[in-house]
N, C-alpha and C. Protein backbone atom coordinates (compact mmCIF):
# COMPACT_ATOMS: atom_id res chain seq x y z
N MET A 1 0.85 -1.17 0.00
CA MET A 1 0.00 0.00 0.00
C MET A 1 0.90 1.24 0.00
N VAL A 2 0.56 2.22 -0.78
CA VAL A 2 1.28 3.48 -0.81
C VAL A 2 0.49 4.49 0.00
N TRP A 3 1.18 5.18 0.88
CA TRP A 3 0.52 6.17 1.73
C TRP A 3 0.65 7.54 1.11
N SER A 4 -0.46 8.25 1.01
CA SER A 4 -0.46 9.62 0.51
C SER A 4 -0.54 10.57 1.69
N ARG A 5 0.33 11.56 1.73
CA ARG A 5 0.33 12.51 2.84
C ARG A 5 -0.44 13.78 2.48
N ARG A 6 -1.32 13.72 1.50
CA ARG A 6 -2.07 14.92 1.10
C ARG A 6 -2.95 15.45 2.20
N SER A 7 -3.50 14.59 3.03
CA SER A 7 -4.41 15.05 4.08
C SER A 7 -4.11 14.30 5.37
N SER A 8 -3.94 15.05 6.44
CA SER A 8 -3.73 14.40 7.73
C SER A 8 -4.88 14.71 8.68
N THR A 9 -5.99 15.19 8.13
CA THR A 9 -7.15 15.45 8.97
C THR A 9 -7.93 14.16 9.14
N TRP A 10 -8.67 14.06 10.23
CA TRP A 10 -9.37 12.84 10.55
C TRP A 10 -10.71 12.76 9.83
N HIS A 11 -10.93 11.66 9.21
CA HIS A 11 -12.26 11.23 8.80
C HIS A 11 -12.20 9.73 8.62
N PRO A 12 -13.32 9.02 8.78
CA PRO A 12 -13.29 7.56 8.85
C PRO A 12 -12.54 6.86 7.72
N GLY A 13 -12.71 7.29 6.49
CA GLY A 13 -12.03 6.62 5.38
C GLY A 13 -10.53 6.75 5.48
N ASN A 14 -10.06 7.92 5.86
CA ASN A 14 -8.63 8.17 6.01
C ASN A 14 -8.07 7.32 7.16
N TRP A 15 -8.80 7.23 8.27
CA TRP A 15 -8.31 6.46 9.41
C TRP A 15 -8.25 4.97 9.09
N ARG A 16 -9.20 4.47 8.31
CA ARG A 16 -9.18 3.06 7.93
C ARG A 16 -7.89 2.73 7.17
N ARG A 17 -7.52 3.59 6.22
CA ARG A 17 -6.27 3.37 5.47
C ARG A 17 -5.07 3.49 6.39
N THR A 18 -5.11 4.46 7.28
CA THR A 18 -4.01 4.64 8.24
C THR A 18 -3.86 3.39 9.10
N ARG A 19 -4.98 2.87 9.59
CA ARG A 19 -4.95 1.68 10.44
C ARG A 19 -4.33 0.50 9.68
N GLU A 20 -4.76 0.28 8.45
CA GLU A 20 -4.21 -0.82 7.66
C GLU A 20 -2.70 -0.64 7.45
N TYR A 21 -2.30 0.57 7.12
CA TYR A 21 -0.89 0.86 6.89
C TYR A 21 -0.06 0.62 8.16
N VAL A 22 -0.54 1.14 9.30
CA VAL A 22 0.19 1.02 10.56
C VAL A 22 0.28 -0.44 11.00
N MET A 23 -0.80 -1.18 10.89
CA MET A 23 -0.76 -2.60 11.25
C MET A 23 0.28 -3.34 10.40
N HIS A 24 0.31 -3.03 9.11
CA HIS A 24 1.30 -3.65 8.23
C HIS A 24 2.72 -3.22 8.61
N ARG A 25 2.90 -1.92 8.82
CA ARG A 25 4.22 -1.39 9.17
C ARG A 25 4.74 -2.01 10.47
N ASP A 26 3.84 -2.18 11.45
CA ASP A 26 4.23 -2.71 12.76
C ASP A 26 4.17 -4.23 12.82
N ARG A 27 3.96 -4.87 11.68
CA ARG A 27 3.91 -6.33 11.57
C ARG A 27 2.84 -6.95 12.47
N GLY A 28 1.79 -6.16 12.77
CA GLY A 28 0.68 -6.68 13.57
C GLY A 28 1.03 -6.92 15.02
N LEU A 29 2.10 -6.29 15.50
CA LEU A 29 2.54 -6.48 16.88
C LEU A 29 2.39 -5.20 17.70
N CYS A 30 2.17 -5.36 19.00
CA CYS A 30 2.02 -4.23 19.91
C CYS A 30 3.36 -3.52 20.07
N ARG A 31 3.34 -2.20 19.93
CA ARG A 31 4.56 -1.39 20.01
C ARG A 31 4.74 -0.72 21.36
N TRP A 32 3.93 -1.05 22.36
CA TRP A 32 4.02 -0.44 23.68
C TRP A 32 5.40 -0.73 24.26
N PRO A 33 6.09 0.32 24.75
CA PRO A 33 7.43 0.10 25.30
C PRO A 33 7.39 -0.66 26.64
N VAL A 34 8.15 -1.73 26.71
CA VAL A 34 8.28 -2.53 27.92
C VAL A 34 9.78 -2.71 28.17
N ALA A 35 10.27 -2.16 29.27
CA ALA A 35 11.71 -2.16 29.57
C ALA A 35 12.44 -1.53 28.38
N ASP A 36 13.35 -2.25 27.78
CA ASP A 36 14.10 -1.70 26.64
C ASP A 36 13.64 -2.32 25.32
N ALA A 37 12.42 -2.84 25.29
CA ALA A 37 11.89 -3.48 24.08
C ALA A 37 10.45 -3.03 23.87
N GLU A 38 9.73 -3.78 23.07
CA GLU A 38 8.31 -3.52 22.84
C GLU A 38 7.53 -4.74 23.30
N CYS A 39 6.27 -4.56 23.59
CA CYS A 39 5.42 -5.64 24.09
C CYS A 39 5.50 -6.86 23.17
N GLY A 40 5.21 -6.70 21.90
CA GLY A 40 5.32 -7.79 20.95
C GLY A 40 4.13 -8.72 20.88
N GLU A 41 3.11 -8.50 21.70
CA GLU A 41 1.88 -9.31 21.62
C GLU A 41 1.15 -8.95 20.33
N PRO A 42 0.26 -9.81 19.84
CA PRO A 42 -0.51 -9.46 18.65
C PRO A 42 -1.33 -8.18 18.88
N ALA A 43 -1.27 -7.27 17.96
CA ALA A 43 -1.98 -6.00 18.06
C ALA A 43 -3.44 -6.18 17.66
N ALA A 44 -4.30 -5.45 18.35
CA ALA A 44 -5.73 -5.48 18.05
C ALA A 44 -6.24 -4.10 17.69
N GLU A 45 -5.50 -3.06 18.06
CA GLU A 45 -5.94 -1.68 17.89
C GLU A 45 -4.81 -0.84 17.30
N VAL A 46 -5.19 0.23 16.63
CA VAL A 46 -4.24 1.27 16.21
C VAL A 46 -4.73 2.55 16.85
N ASP A 47 -3.83 3.26 17.51
CA ASP A 47 -4.20 4.46 18.23
C ASP A 47 -3.18 5.55 17.94
N ARG A 48 -3.60 6.78 18.17
CA ARG A 48 -2.67 7.92 18.00
C ARG A 48 -1.79 8.00 19.23
N ARG A 49 -0.50 8.23 19.03
CA ARG A 49 0.41 8.44 20.16
C ARG A 49 0.01 9.73 20.87
N ILE A 50 -0.15 10.81 20.11
CA ILE A 50 -0.64 12.08 20.65
C ILE A 50 -2.11 12.16 20.25
N PRO A 51 -3.02 12.19 21.22
CA PRO A 51 -4.45 12.18 20.89
C PRO A 51 -4.86 13.35 19.99
N TYR A 52 -5.86 13.10 19.19
CA TYR A 52 -6.38 14.11 18.29
C TYR A 52 -6.81 15.35 19.07
N SER A 53 -7.37 15.15 20.26
CA SER A 53 -7.83 16.26 21.09
C SER A 53 -6.69 17.13 21.62
N GLN A 54 -5.47 16.61 21.57
CA GLN A 54 -4.31 17.35 22.05
C GLN A 54 -3.41 17.80 20.91
N GLY A 55 -3.97 17.84 19.72
CA GLY A 55 -3.22 18.32 18.56
C GLY A 55 -2.57 17.24 17.73
N GLY A 56 -2.78 15.98 18.09
CA GLY A 56 -2.23 14.88 17.30
C GLY A 56 -2.93 14.78 15.95
N THR A 57 -2.25 14.19 15.00
CA THR A 57 -2.82 14.03 13.67
C THR A 57 -3.13 12.56 13.40
N SER A 58 -3.74 12.31 12.27
CA SER A 58 -4.00 10.94 11.84
C SER A 58 -2.89 10.42 10.95
N ASP A 59 -1.78 11.12 10.91
CA ASP A 59 -0.63 10.70 10.12
C ASP A 59 -0.06 9.40 10.69
N PRO A 60 0.38 8.49 9.85
CA PRO A 60 0.94 7.23 10.35
C PRO A 60 2.12 7.41 11.32
N ASP A 61 2.86 8.51 11.20
CA ASP A 61 3.96 8.75 12.13
C ASP A 61 3.47 8.99 13.55
N ASN A 62 2.20 9.32 13.72
CA ASN A 62 1.62 9.56 15.03
C ASN A 62 0.78 8.37 15.49
N ALA A 63 0.86 7.25 14.82
CA ALA A 63 0.03 6.10 15.14
C ALA A 63 0.90 4.89 15.47
N TRP A 64 0.37 4.02 16.32
CA TRP A 64 1.06 2.78 16.64
C TRP A 64 0.05 1.69 16.90
N SER A 65 0.50 0.46 16.70
CA SER A 65 -0.33 -0.71 16.94
C SER A 65 -0.21 -1.10 18.41
N LEU A 66 -1.35 -1.45 19.01
CA LEU A 66 -1.36 -1.83 20.42
C LEU A 66 -2.21 -3.08 20.63
N CYS A 67 -1.79 -3.91 21.60
CA CYS A 67 -2.64 -5.04 22.00
C CYS A 67 -3.81 -4.46 22.81
N ARG A 68 -4.81 -5.27 23.04
CA ARG A 68 -6.00 -4.77 23.76
C ARG A 68 -5.64 -4.25 25.16
N ALA A 69 -4.76 -4.94 25.86
CA ALA A 69 -4.41 -4.54 27.23
C ALA A 69 -3.73 -3.18 27.25
N HIS A 70 -2.78 -2.96 26.35
CA HIS A 70 -2.07 -1.68 26.35
C HIS A 70 -2.93 -0.55 25.79
N HIS A 71 -3.84 -0.87 24.87
CA HIS A 71 -4.76 0.15 24.39
C HIS A 71 -5.67 0.60 25.53
N ALA A 72 -6.16 -0.36 26.33
CA ALA A 72 -7.01 -0.03 27.47
C ALA A 72 -6.24 0.79 28.50
N LEU A 73 -4.98 0.45 28.74
CA LEU A 73 -4.14 1.20 29.68
C LEU A 73 -3.96 2.64 29.21
N LYS A 74 -3.61 2.81 27.93
CA LYS A 74 -3.40 4.16 27.37
C LYS A 74 -4.69 4.98 27.42
N THR A 75 -5.79 4.39 27.01
CA THR A 75 -7.07 5.09 27.00
C THR A 75 -7.50 5.46 28.41
N GLY A 76 -7.28 4.56 29.37
CA GLY A 76 -7.61 4.85 30.75
C GLY A 76 -6.80 6.01 31.31
N ARG A 77 -5.52 6.05 30.99
CA ARG A 77 -4.67 7.16 31.44
C ARG A 77 -5.16 8.49 30.85
N GLU A 78 -5.50 8.47 29.57
CA GLU A 78 -5.99 9.69 28.92
C GLU A 78 -7.30 10.15 29.55
N ALA A 79 -8.18 9.21 29.86
CA ALA A 79 -9.47 9.56 30.48
C ALA A 79 -9.26 10.15 31.87
N THR A 80 -8.34 9.57 32.63
CA THR A 80 -8.04 10.09 33.98
C THR A 80 -7.49 11.50 33.89
N THR A 81 -6.57 11.74 32.96
CA THR A 81 -6.00 13.07 32.78
C THR A 81 -7.09 14.07 32.40
N ALA A 82 -7.99 13.69 31.52
CA ALA A 82 -9.07 14.58 31.10
C ALA A 82 -9.98 14.92 32.27
N ARG A 83 -10.32 13.92 33.09
CA ARG A 83 -11.17 14.17 34.27
C ARG A 83 -10.48 15.10 35.26
N GLU A 84 -9.19 14.87 35.49
CA GLU A 84 -8.45 15.72 36.43
C GLU A 84 -8.35 17.15 35.92
N THR A 85 -8.17 17.31 34.62
CA THR A 85 -8.09 18.65 34.03
C THR A 85 -9.41 19.38 34.19
N ARG A 86 -10.52 18.69 33.92
CA ARG A 86 -11.85 19.31 34.09
C ARG A 86 -12.11 19.67 35.54
N ALA A 87 -11.66 18.83 36.47
CA ALA A 87 -11.91 19.07 37.90
C ALA A 87 -11.14 20.29 38.40
N ARG A 88 -9.98 20.58 37.80
CA ARG A 88 -9.18 21.73 38.24
C ARG A 88 -9.73 23.05 37.75
N ARG A 89 -10.53 23.03 36.71
CA ARG A 89 -11.13 24.26 36.21
C ARG A 89 -12.14 24.79 37.21
N GLU A 90 -12.24 26.11 37.28
CA GLU A 90 -13.25 26.69 38.15
C GLU A 90 -14.63 26.45 37.55
N PRO A 91 -15.61 26.19 38.40
CA PRO A 91 -16.96 26.00 37.86
C PRO A 91 -17.46 27.28 37.21
N PRO A 92 -18.23 27.16 36.16
CA PRO A 92 -18.74 28.36 35.49
C PRO A 92 -19.65 29.17 36.42
N THR A 93 -19.58 30.45 36.29
CA THR A 93 -20.41 31.35 37.08
C THR A 93 -21.67 31.67 36.29
N HIS A 94 -22.79 31.63 36.97
CA HIS A 94 -24.05 31.95 36.32
C HIS A 94 -24.00 33.40 35.83
N PRO A 95 -24.52 33.70 34.64
CA PRO A 95 -24.45 35.07 34.09
C PRO A 95 -24.99 36.14 35.02
N SER A 96 -26.01 35.84 35.83
CA SER A 96 -26.57 36.86 36.71
C SER A 96 -25.66 37.17 37.90
N ARG A 97 -24.65 36.35 38.14
CA ARG A 97 -23.75 36.56 39.28
C ARG A 97 -22.40 37.11 38.86
N ARG A 98 -22.20 37.34 37.58
CA ARG A 98 -20.93 37.89 37.11
C ARG A 98 -20.87 39.37 37.41
N ARG A 99 -19.69 39.90 37.66
CA ARG A 99 -19.53 41.32 37.96
C ARG A 99 -19.05 42.07 36.77
């Protein structure tokens, strides 16, 4: 498969091609770092290293193959960070109470 870098914006068709390319590039193995190596278990998911919500792209250079366990670990960490970030924000003030 030849990868075209014309568009790195997310949409389902583009991500499907990216997923196929990344799985092939990573030989279908989990790339999660473990000690000085990689997990090496069969990959089930392709995910962005830098999440789209944090400025990451759908470019294959920002994607890696992960086994289900490491994908769940990464997603859980991101969810925890998002919850903690929201909790640190001040609650919105009702318009009638603003000065």
